Amino acid sequence: MNPRVALALLTLLAACSPRDSGDAPVADAPAPPVADRQVPVNAGTARLSFAPVVRKAAPAVVNVFARRVVRQRVDPFWGAFMDDGDQERDLVQRSLGSGSIVRSDGVVLTNHHVIDGAQEIVVVTADRREWPAELVLDDARDDLAVLKIDPGGKRLPTIAIGDSDDLQVGDLVLAIGNPFGVGQTVTNGIVSALSRPRGRDGGGALYIQTDAAINPGNSGGPLVNMNGDLVGVNTAILSPSGGSSGVGFAIPAKLVRKVVAEATSS
């Protein structure tokens, strides 16, 4: 073989041979572990929502309109210009609240302060039908009232009265009602505290405290648990502005059940 050709082959073989650097070969870095993932097994885990609870409870939530006529003294300055000289005039006052149908034959639960002194009470159901209502029981101390409407033999949707003793601080709840007259509205929150006293004297019902938004017009509407049951009646808020500030109060279902039973026992 030509010496030049042999030298070229040796040089090529040397260039193609692995070189020992004295270090162990570097292995490829392992792939990062894949996080465990599961395919959603049902609609509930695919999209969490309060909608099933609302569908169960909302048809039984009503608006309560109360009308009362009061005598109001007229400012003496304007009274001097009245032809009859009467210093008093009738003033029509209207209030708006919410309520719950607790019996299919038309028994409705609301707050005392919603219907206090009313000469006329009208209940508007979720399907927008209007019903004249009769006052069956008025409990001013506990701020509860029971009304009766006549569905004409038809069965109305109802909400079950749940167990307020089963509530714990941190439980999810919904407040359903008609705040400011805008129409049925649902807000959510948690049970913030239990057994809050009513007023400085501690009289009346002990309240459930919640941060679910409660505003004027929500009074008398239900506080609902995740089973769609009424666990409280929304009745008051603590607010410097008059609107929701995250401190609302509801009368517990334990007391509500007693009042409804008393009203329907006869």
C-alpha atoms as a PDB file:
ATOM      1  CA  MET A   1       0.000   0.000   0.000  1.00  0.00           C
ATOM      2  CA  ASN A   2       1.199   3.470  -0.731  1.00  0.00           C
ATOM      3  CA  PRO A   3       2.623   4.932   2.505  1.00  0.00           C
ATOM      4  CA  ARG A   4       0.761   8.184   1.938  1.00  0.00           C
ATOM      5  CA  VAL A   5      -2.592   6.383   1.558  1.00  0.00           C
ATOM      6  CA  ALA A   6      -1.947   4.288   4.723  1.00  0.00           C
ATOM      7  CA  LEU A   7      -1.167   7.421   6.729  1.00  0.00           C
ATOM      8  CA  ALA A   8      -4.358   9.085   5.546  1.00  0.00           C
ATOM      9  CA  LEU A   9      -6.461   6.053   6.585  1.00  0.00           C
ATOM     10  CA  LEU A  10      -4.854   5.970  10.041  1.00  0.00           C
ATOM     11  CA  THR A  11      -5.534   9.659  10.502  1.00  0.00           C
ATOM     12  CA  LEU A  12      -9.213   9.206   9.470  1.00  0.00           C
ATOM     13  CA  LEU A  13      -9.683   6.252  11.868  1.00  0.00           C
ATOM     14  CA  ALA A  14      -8.179   8.213  14.730  1.00  0.00           C
ATOM     15  CA  ALA A  15     -10.526  11.117  14.079  1.00  0.00           C
ATOM     16  CA  CYS A  16     -13.596   8.833  14.076  1.00  0.00           C
ATOM     17  CA  SER A  17     -12.673   6.897  17.273  1.00  0.00           C
ATOM     18  CA  PRO A  18     -14.166   7.968  20.685  1.00  0.00           C
ATOM     19  CA  ARG A  19     -11.796   9.826  22.947  1.00  0.00           C
ATOM     20  CA  ASP A  20     -11.391   8.923  26.603  1.00  0.00           C
ATOM     21  CA  SER A  21     -11.507  12.156  28.573  1.00  0.00           C
ATOM     22  CA  GLY A  22     -11.364  10.370  31.918  1.00  0.00           C
ATOM     23  CA  ASP A  23     -14.971  11.488  32.781  1.00  0.00           C
ATOM     24  CA  ALA A  24     -18.047   9.270  32.798  1.00  0.00           C
ATOM     25  CA  PRO A  25     -20.373   9.916  29.908  1.00  0.00           C
ATOM     26  CA  VAL A  26     -23.128  12.428  30.722  1.00  0.00           C
ATOM     27  CA  ALA A  27     -26.558  10.810  30.679  1.00  0.00           C
ATOM     28  CA  ASP A  28     -29.597  12.645  29.318  1.00  0.00           C
ATOM     29  CA  ALA A  29     -31.562  14.542  32.053  1.00  0.00           C
ATOM     30  CA  PRO A  30     -34.738  12.686  33.046  1.00  0.00           C
ATOM     31  CA  ALA A  31     -38.021  14.149  31.794  1.00  0.00           C
ATOM     32  CA  PRO A  32     -39.972  16.074  34.445  1.00  0.00           C
ATOM     33  CA  PRO A  33     -42.818  14.056  35.932  1.00  0.00           C
ATOM     34  CA  VAL A  34     -46.235  14.706  34.403  1.00  0.00           C
ATOM     35  CA  ALA A  35     -48.757  16.059  36.905  1.00  0.00           C
ATOM     36  CA  ASP A  36     -51.672  13.782  37.649  1.00  0.00           C
ATOM     37  CA  ARG A  37     -54.728  14.766  35.657  1.00  0.00           C
ATOM     38  CA  GLN A  38     -58.204  13.335  35.531  1.00  0.00           C
ATOM     39  CA  VAL A  39     -60.861  13.658  32.925  1.00  0.00           C
ATOM     40  CA  PRO A  40     -64.032  15.202  34.462  1.00  0.00           C
ATOM     41  CA  VAL A  41     -66.334  12.362  35.387  1.00  0.00           C
ATOM     42  CA  ASN A  42     -69.585  14.373  35.400  1.00  0.00           C
ATOM     43  CA  ALA A  43     -71.033  17.798  34.718  1.00  0.00           C
ATOM     44  CA  GLY A  44     -70.557  18.812  38.337  1.00  0.00           C
ATOM     45  CA  THR A  45     -66.780  18.449  38.207  1.00  0.00           C
ATOM     46  CA  ALA A  46     -66.541  19.949  34.729  1.00  0.00           C
ATOM     47  CA  ARG A  47     -68.278  23.197  35.689  1.00  0.00           C
ATOM     48  CA  LEU A  48     -68.943  24.096  39.288  1.00  0.00           C
ATOM     49  CA  SER A  49     -72.065  26.230  39.706  1.00  0.00           C
ATOM     50  CA  PHE A  50     -74.776  27.200  42.163  1.00  0.00           C
ATOM     51  CA  ALA A  51     -77.346  26.929  39.355  1.00  0.00           C
ATOM     52  CA  PRO A  52     -78.829  23.588  40.539  1.00  0.00           C
ATOM     53  CA  VAL A  53     -79.429  25.071  43.999  1.00  0.00           C
ATOM     54  CA  VAL A  54     -81.048  28.173  42.503  1.00  0.00           C
ATOM     55  CA  ARG A  55     -83.288  26.112  40.212  1.00  0.00           C
ATOM     56  CA  LYS A  56     -84.576  24.247  43.244  1.00  0.00           C
ATOM     57  CA  ALA A  57     -85.161  27.208  45.557  1.00  0.00           C
ATOM     58  CA  ALA A  58     -85.892  30.269  43.408  1.00  0.00           C
ATOM     59  CA  PRO A  59     -89.389  29.311  42.117  1.00  0.00           C
ATOM     60  CA  ALA A  60     -90.659  29.514  45.714  1.00  0.00           C
ATOM     61  CA  VAL A  61     -89.234  32.997  46.378  1.00  0.00           C
ATOM     62  CA  VAL A  62     -91.737  35.838  46.036  1.00  0.00           C
ATOM     63  CA  ASN A  63     -91.916  39.621  46.147  1.00  0.00           C
ATOM     64  CA  VAL A  64     -94.083  41.165  48.855  1.00  0.00           C
ATOM     65  CA  PHE A  65     -95.625  44.602  48.280  1.00  0.00           C
ATOM     66  CA  ALA A  66     -97.347  46.367  51.180  1.00  0.00           C
ATOM     67  CA  ARG A  67     -99.444  49.530  51.001  1.00  0.00           C
ATOM     68  CA  ARG A  68    -100.426  51.650  53.973  1.00  0.00           C
ATOM     69  CA  VAL A  69    -102.114  55.049  54.352  1.00  0.00           C
ATOM     70  CA  VAL A  70    -100.850  57.315  57.114  1.00  0.00           C
ATOM     71  CA  ARG A  71    -101.918  60.750  58.290  1.00  0.00           C
ATOM     72  CA  GLN A  72     -99.106  63.243  58.011  1.00  0.00           C
ATOM     73  CA  ARG A  73     -99.082  66.739  59.343  1.00  0.00           C
ATOM     74  CA  VAL A  74     -98.570  69.388  56.702  1.00  0.00           C
ATOM     75  CA  ASP A  75     -95.978  72.109  57.126  1.00  0.00           C
ATOM     76  CA  PRO A  76     -97.866  75.124  58.551  1.00  0.00           C
ATOM     77  CA  PHE A  77     -96.480  77.361  55.811  1.00  0.00           C
ATOM     78  CA  TRP A  78     -98.077  75.269  53.062  1.00  0.00           C
ATOM     79  CA  GLY A  79    -101.167  74.604  55.174  1.00  0.00           C
ATOM     80  CA  ALA A  80    -101.979  78.321  55.053  1.00  0.00           C
ATOM     81  CA  PHE A  81    -102.539  78.003  51.302  1.00  0.00           C
ATOM     82  CA  MET A  82    -104.957  75.047  51.532  1.00  0.00           C
ATOM     83  CA  ASP A  83    -108.574  75.823  50.807  1.00  0.00           C
ATOM     84  CA  ASP A  84    -109.992  73.619  53.564  1.00  0.00           C
ATOM     85  CA  GLY A  85    -107.460  74.657  56.162  1.00  0.00           C
ATOM     86  CA  ASP A  86    -106.762  71.017  57.032  1.00  0.00           C
ATOM     87  CA  GLN A  87    -103.314  70.716  58.534  1.00  0.00           C
ATOM     88  CA  GLU A  88    -103.087  66.949  57.869  1.00  0.00           C
ATOM     89  CA  ARG A  89    -103.142  64.873  54.709  1.00  0.00           C
ATOM     90  CA  ASP A  90    -103.273  61.162  53.891  1.00  0.00           C
ATOM     91  CA  LEU A  91     -99.956  59.846  52.645  1.00  0.00           C
ATOM     92  CA  VAL A  92     -99.677  56.510  50.862  1.00  0.00           C
ATOM     93  CA  GLN A  93     -96.566  54.559  51.839  1.00  0.00           C
ATOM     94  CA  ARG A  94     -95.379  51.498  49.973  1.00  0.00           C
ATOM     95  CA  SER A  95     -92.788  48.970  51.043  1.00  0.00           C
ATOM     96  CA  LEU A  96     -91.099  46.194  49.145  1.00  0.00           C
ATOM     97  CA  GLY A  97     -89.746  42.965  50.533  1.00  0.00           C
ATOM     98  CA  SER A  98     -89.323  39.310  49.718  1.00  0.00           C
ATOM     99  CA  GLY A  99     -90.758  36.071  51.014  1.00  0.00           C
ATOM    100  CA  SER A 100     -90.837  32.299  50.645  1.00  0.00           C
ATOM    101  CA  ILE A 101     -93.686  29.934  49.862  1.00  0.00           C
ATOM    102  CA  VAL A 102     -93.407  27.280  52.562  1.00  0.00           C
ATOM    103  CA  ARG A 103     -96.621  25.374  51.828  1.00  0.00           C
ATOM    104  CA  SER A 104     -98.053  24.507  48.438  1.00  0.00           C
ATOM    105  CA  ASP A 105    -101.527  25.786  49.412  1.00  0.00           C
ATOM    106  CA  GLY A 106    -100.200  29.352  49.548  1.00  0.00           C
ATOM    107  CA  VAL A 107     -98.554  29.905  52.957  1.00  0.00           C
ATOM    108  CA  VAL A 108     -95.896  32.613  52.578  1.00  0.00           C
ATOM    109  CA  LEU A 109     -93.236  33.623  55.084  1.00  0.00           C
ATOM    110  CA  THR A 110     -91.769  37.129  55.273  1.00  0.00           C
ATOM    111  CA  ASN A 111     -90.610  39.768  57.782  1.00  0.00           C
ATOM    112  CA  HIS A 112     -92.913  41.667  60.122  1.00  0.00           C
ATOM    113  CA  HIS A 113     -91.313  44.978  59.170  1.00  0.00           C
ATOM    114  CA  VAL A 114     -92.168  44.419  55.498  1.00  0.00           C
ATOM    115  CA  ILE A 115     -95.930  44.355  56.139  1.00  0.00           C
ATOM    116  CA  ASP A 116     -96.152  46.338  59.391  1.00  0.00           C
ATOM    117  CA  GLY A 117     -99.327  48.456  59.409  1.00  0.00           C
ATOM    118  CA  ALA A 118    -100.268  47.557  55.833  1.00  0.00           C
ATOM    119  CA  GLN A 119    -103.860  47.915  54.644  1.00  0.00           C
ATOM    120  CA  GLU A 120    -103.095  45.996  51.456  1.00  0.00           C
ATOM    121  CA  ILE A 121    -100.557  43.227  50.792  1.00  0.00           C
ATOM    122  CA  VAL A 122     -99.780  41.795  47.364  1.00  0.00           C
ATOM    123  CA  VAL A 123     -97.554  38.789  46.696  1.00  0.00           C
ATOM    124  CA  VAL A 124     -95.911  38.424  43.289  1.00  0.00           C
ATOM    125  CA  THR A 125     -94.698  34.909  42.520  1.00  0.00           C
ATOM    126  CA  ALA A 126     -91.650  34.051  40.425  1.00  0.00           C
ATOM    127  CA  ASP A 127     -93.847  33.552  37.350  1.00  0.00           C
ATOM    128  CA  ARG A 128     -94.995  37.209  37.758  1.00  0.00           C
ATOM    129  CA  ARG A 129     -98.527  36.446  38.883  1.00  0.00           C
ATOM    130  CA  GLU A 130     -99.992  38.783  41.506  1.00  0.00           C
ATOM    131  CA  TRP A 131    -101.959  37.505  44.477  1.00  0.00           C
ATOM    132  CA  PRO A 132    -103.791  39.450  47.198  1.00  0.00           C
ATOM    133  CA  ALA A 133    -102.515  38.219  50.546  1.00  0.00           C
ATOM    134  CA  GLU A 134    -104.097  37.847  53.968  1.00  0.00           C
ATOM    135  CA  LEU A 135    -102.073  38.325  57.125  1.00  0.00           C
ATOM    136  CA  VAL A 136    -102.321  35.135  59.203  1.00  0.00           C
ATOM    137  CA  LEU A 137     -99.709  35.749  61.908  1.00  0.00           C
ATOM    138  CA  ASP A 138     -97.638  38.797  62.777  1.00  0.00           C
ATOM    139  CA  ASP A 139     -94.758  38.343  65.211  1.00  0.00           C
ATOM    140  CA  ALA A 140     -93.244  41.765  65.836  1.00  0.00           C
ATOM    141  CA  ARG A 141     -90.762  40.547  68.464  1.00  0.00           C
ATOM    142  CA  ASP A 142     -89.091  38.037  66.176  1.00  0.00           C
ATOM    143  CA  ASP A 143     -89.758  40.116  63.014  1.00  0.00           C
ATOM    144  CA  LEU A 144     -91.650  37.344  61.233  1.00  0.00           C
ATOM    145  CA  ALA A 145     -95.011  37.306  59.472  1.00  0.00           C
ATOM    146  CA  VAL A 146     -97.014  34.551  57.821  1.00  0.00           C
ATOM    147  CA  LEU A 147     -99.261  35.380  54.859  1.00  0.00           C
ATOM    148  CA  LYS A 148    -101.830  33.344  52.938  1.00  0.00           C
ATOM    149  CA  ILE A 149    -102.649  33.546  49.252  1.00  0.00           C
ATOM    150  CA  ASP A 150    -105.303  31.503  47.474  1.00  0.00           C
ATOM    151  CA  PRO A 151    -103.892  29.522  44.521  1.00  0.00           C
ATOM    152  CA  GLY A 152    -107.341  28.234  43.604  1.00  0.00           C
ATOM    153  CA  GLY A 153    -106.644  24.601  44.320  1.00  0.00           C
ATOM    154  CA  LYS A 154    -103.343  24.583  42.431  1.00  0.00           C
ATOM    155  CA  ARG A 155    -100.124  23.548  44.120  1.00  0.00           C
ATOM    156  CA  LEU A 156     -97.460  26.227  44.306  1.00  0.00           C
ATOM    157  CA  PRO A 157     -93.699  25.572  44.341  1.00  0.00           C
ATOM    158  CA  THR A 158     -92.306  25.483  47.864  1.00  0.00           C
ATOM    159  CA  ILE A 159     -89.010  25.704  49.665  1.00  0.00           C
ATOM    160  CA  ALA A 160     -88.242  23.288  52.476  1.00  0.00           C
ATOM    161  CA  ILE A 161     -87.355  24.660  55.909  1.00  0.00           C
ATOM    162  CA  GLY A 162     -83.969  23.189  56.739  1.00  0.00           C
ATOM    163  CA  ASP A 163     -82.028  22.618  59.938  1.00  0.00           C
ATOM    164  CA  SER A 164     -80.264  25.777  61.086  1.00  0.00           C
ATOM    165  CA  ASP A 165     -78.695  23.865  63.993  1.00  0.00           C
ATOM    166  CA  ASP A 166     -76.642  21.971  61.406  1.00  0.00           C
ATOM    167  CA  LEU A 167     -74.979  25.165  60.134  1.00  0.00           C
ATOM    168  CA  GLN A 168     -71.309  25.789  60.773  1.00  0.00           C
ATOM    169  CA  VAL A 169     -69.242  28.917  60.339  1.00  0.00           C
ATOM    170  CA  GLY A 170     -67.795  28.780  56.839  1.00  0.00           C
ATOM    171  CA  ASP A 171     -70.727  26.955  55.213  1.00  0.00           C
ATOM    172  CA  LEU A 172     -71.715  28.234  51.777  1.00  0.00           C
ATOM    173  CA  VAL A 173     -75.102  29.964  51.570  1.00  0.00           C
ATOM    174  CA  LEU A 174     -77.177  31.900  49.028  1.00  0.00           C
ATOM    175  CA  ALA A 175     -79.437  34.900  49.633  1.00  0.00           C
ATOM    176  CA  ILE A 176     -82.410  35.191  47.256  1.00  0.00           C
ATOM    177  CA  GLY A 177     -84.693  38.208  47.047  1.00  0.00           C
ATOM    178  CA  ASN A 178     -85.608  41.415  45.252  1.00  0.00           C
ATOM    179  CA  PRO A 179     -83.064  44.091  46.257  1.00  0.00           C
ATOM    180  CA  PHE A 180     -84.057  47.666  45.376  1.00  0.00           C
ATOM    181  CA  GLY A 181     -86.927  46.306  43.271  1.00  0.00           C
ATOM    182  CA  VAL A 182     -84.648  45.232  40.405  1.00  0.00           C
ATOM    183  CA  GLY A 183     -86.130  41.719  40.282  1.00  0.00           C
ATOM    184  CA  GLN A 184     -85.183  38.370  41.719  1.00  0.00           C
ATOM    185  CA  THR A 185     -81.485  38.293  42.512  1.00  0.00           C
ATOM    186  CA  VAL A 186     -79.150  35.657  43.939  1.00  0.00           C
ATOM    187  CA  THR A 187     -76.003  36.405  45.922  1.00  0.00           C
ATOM    188  CA  ASN A 188     -73.606  33.982  47.550  1.00  0.00           C
ATOM    189  CA  GLY A 189     -71.420  33.982  50.614  1.00  0.00           C
ATOM    190  CA  ILE A 190     -70.681  32.016  53.736  1.00  0.00           C
ATOM    191  CA  VAL A 191     -72.003  31.753  57.253  1.00  0.00           C
ATOM    192  CA  SER A 192     -69.819  34.350  58.981  1.00  0.00           C
ATOM    193  CA  ALA A 193     -70.998  33.734  62.545  1.00  0.00           C
ATOM    194  CA  LEU A 194     -73.778  32.082  64.517  1.00  0.00           C
ATOM    195  CA  SER A 195     -75.976  33.130  67.453  1.00  0.00           C
ATOM    196  CA  ARG A 196     -75.510  36.861  67.000  1.00  0.00           C
ATOM    197  CA  PRO A 197     -77.785  38.715  69.458  1.00  0.00           C
ATOM    198  CA  ARG A 198     -80.453  41.036  68.129  1.00  0.00           C
ATOM    199  CA  GLY A 199     -79.872  44.624  69.191  1.00  0.00           C
ATOM    200  CA  ARG A 200     -78.146  45.910  72.274  1.00  0.00           C
ATOM    201  CA  ASP A 201     -80.679  44.371  74.621  1.00  0.00           C
ATOM    202  CA  GLY A 202     -80.146  40.907  73.117  1.00  0.00           C
ATOM    203  CA  GLY A 203     -83.896  40.428  72.800  1.00  0.00           C
ATOM    204  CA  GLY A 204     -85.679  38.538  70.058  1.00  0.00           C
ATOM    205  CA  ALA A 205     -84.163  35.996  67.715  1.00  0.00           C
ATOM    206  CA  LEU A 206     -80.488  35.106  67.624  1.00  0.00           C
ATOM    207  CA  TYR A 207     -79.171  35.792  64.147  1.00  0.00           C
ATOM    208  CA  ILE A 208     -77.132  33.935  61.563  1.00  0.00           C
ATOM    209  CA  GLN A 209     -74.505  36.346  60.245  1.00  0.00           C
ATOM    210  CA  THR A 210     -73.546  36.108  56.575  1.00  0.00           C
ATOM    211  CA  ASP A 211     -71.470  38.017  54.048  1.00  0.00           C
ATOM    212  CA  ALA A 212     -73.868  37.164  51.206  1.00  0.00           C
ATOM    213  CA  ALA A 213     -75.014  40.539  49.875  1.00  0.00           C
ATOM    214  CA  ILE A 214     -78.311  41.616  51.476  1.00  0.00           C
ATOM    215  CA  ASN A 215     -79.859  44.955  50.495  1.00  0.00           C
ATOM    216  CA  PRO A 216     -83.168  46.788  50.986  1.00  0.00           C
ATOM    217  CA  GLY A 217     -85.811  44.583  49.342  1.00  0.00           C
ATOM    218  CA  ASN A 218     -84.110  41.338  50.413  1.00  0.00           C
ATOM    219  CA  SER A 219     -85.932  41.464  53.755  1.00  0.00           C
ATOM    220  CA  GLY A 220     -88.071  38.369  54.258  1.00  0.00           C
ATOM    221  CA  GLY A 221     -86.306  36.365  51.577  1.00  0.00           C
ATOM    222  CA  PRO A 222     -84.579  33.053  52.261  1.00  0.00           C
ATOM    223  CA  LEU A 223     -81.000  32.292  53.185  1.00  0.00           C
ATOM    224  CA  VAL A 224     -80.443  28.969  51.429  1.00  0.00           C
ATOM    225  CA  ASN A 225     -77.974  26.135  52.041  1.00  0.00           C
ATOM    226  CA  MET A 226     -76.410  23.965  49.359  1.00  0.00           C
ATOM    227  CA  ASN A 227     -79.351  21.547  49.511  1.00  0.00           C
ATOM    228  CA  GLY A 228     -81.652  24.361  48.417  1.00  0.00           C
ATOM    229  CA  ASP A 229     -83.345  24.501  51.839  1.00  0.00           C
ATOM    230  CA  LEU A 230     -84.250  27.628  53.780  1.00  0.00           C
ATOM    231  CA  VAL A 231     -81.939  27.902  56.772  1.00  0.00           C
ATOM    232  CA  GLY A 232     -82.714  31.518  57.605  1.00  0.00           C
ATOM    233  CA  VAL A 233     -84.873  34.540  56.781  1.00  0.00           C
ATOM    234  CA  ASN A 234     -82.830  37.578  55.731  1.00  0.00           C
ATOM    235  CA  THR A 235     -83.879  40.435  57.955  1.00  0.00           C
ATOM    236  CA  ALA A 236     -81.222  43.066  58.661  1.00  0.00           C
ATOM    237  CA  ILE A 237     -77.875  44.511  57.651  1.00  0.00           C
ATOM    238  CA  LEU A 238     -75.178  46.475  59.425  1.00  0.00           C
ATOM    239  CA  SER A 239     -74.169  49.281  57.111  1.00  0.00           C
ATOM    240  CA  PRO A 240     -73.224  52.959  57.410  1.00  0.00           C
ATOM    241  CA  SER A 241     -74.445  53.566  53.850  1.00  0.00           C
ATOM    242  CA  GLY A 242     -77.701  51.596  53.850  1.00  0.00           C
ATOM    243  CA  GLY A 243     -76.365  49.129  51.279  1.00  0.00           C
ATOM    244  CA  SER A 244     -74.616  45.808  51.669  1.00  0.00           C
ATOM    245  CA  SER A 245     -71.280  45.977  53.459  1.00  0.00           C
ATOM    246  CA  GLY A 246     -70.848  42.243  53.953  1.00  0.00           C
ATOM    247  CA  VAL A 247     -72.531  42.085  57.364  1.00  0.00           C
ATOM    248  CA  GLY A 248     -76.045  40.692  57.050  1.00  0.00           C
ATOM    249  CA  PHE A 249     -78.294  38.848  59.474  1.00  0.00           C
ATOM    250  CA  ALA A 250     -80.913  36.125  59.086  1.00  0.00           C
ATOM    251  CA  ILE A 251     -83.438  34.649  61.506  1.00  0.00           C
ATOM    252  CA  PRO A 252     -82.589  30.943  61.923  1.00  0.00           C
ATOM    253  CA  ALA A 253     -84.880  28.265  60.487  1.00  0.00           C
ATOM    254  CA  LYS A 254     -85.314  26.702  63.920  1.00  0.00           C
ATOM    255  CA  LEU A 255     -87.425  29.678  64.999  1.00  0.00           C
ATOM    256  CA  VAL A 256     -89.049  30.034  61.574  1.00  0.00           C
ATOM    257  CA  ARG A 257     -90.388  26.474  61.754  1.00  0.00           C
ATOM    258  CA  LYS A 258     -92.089  27.182  65.078  1.00  0.00           C
ATOM    259  CA  VAL A 259     -93.760  30.346  63.787  1.00  0.00           C
ATOM    260  CA  VAL A 260     -95.039  28.617  60.626  1.00  0.00           C
ATOM    261  CA  ALA A 261     -96.352  25.690  62.681  1.00  0.00           C
ATOM    262  CA  GLU A 262     -98.212  28.075  64.981  1.00  0.00           C
ATOM    263  CA  ALA A 263     -99.732  29.946  62.050  1.00  0.00           C
ATOM    264  CA  THR A 264    -100.948  26.792  60.297  1.00  0.00           C
ATOM    265  CA  SER A 265    -102.022  24.725  63.286  1.00  0.00           C
ATOM    266  CA  SER A 266    -105.648  25.876  63.213  1.00  0.00           C
END
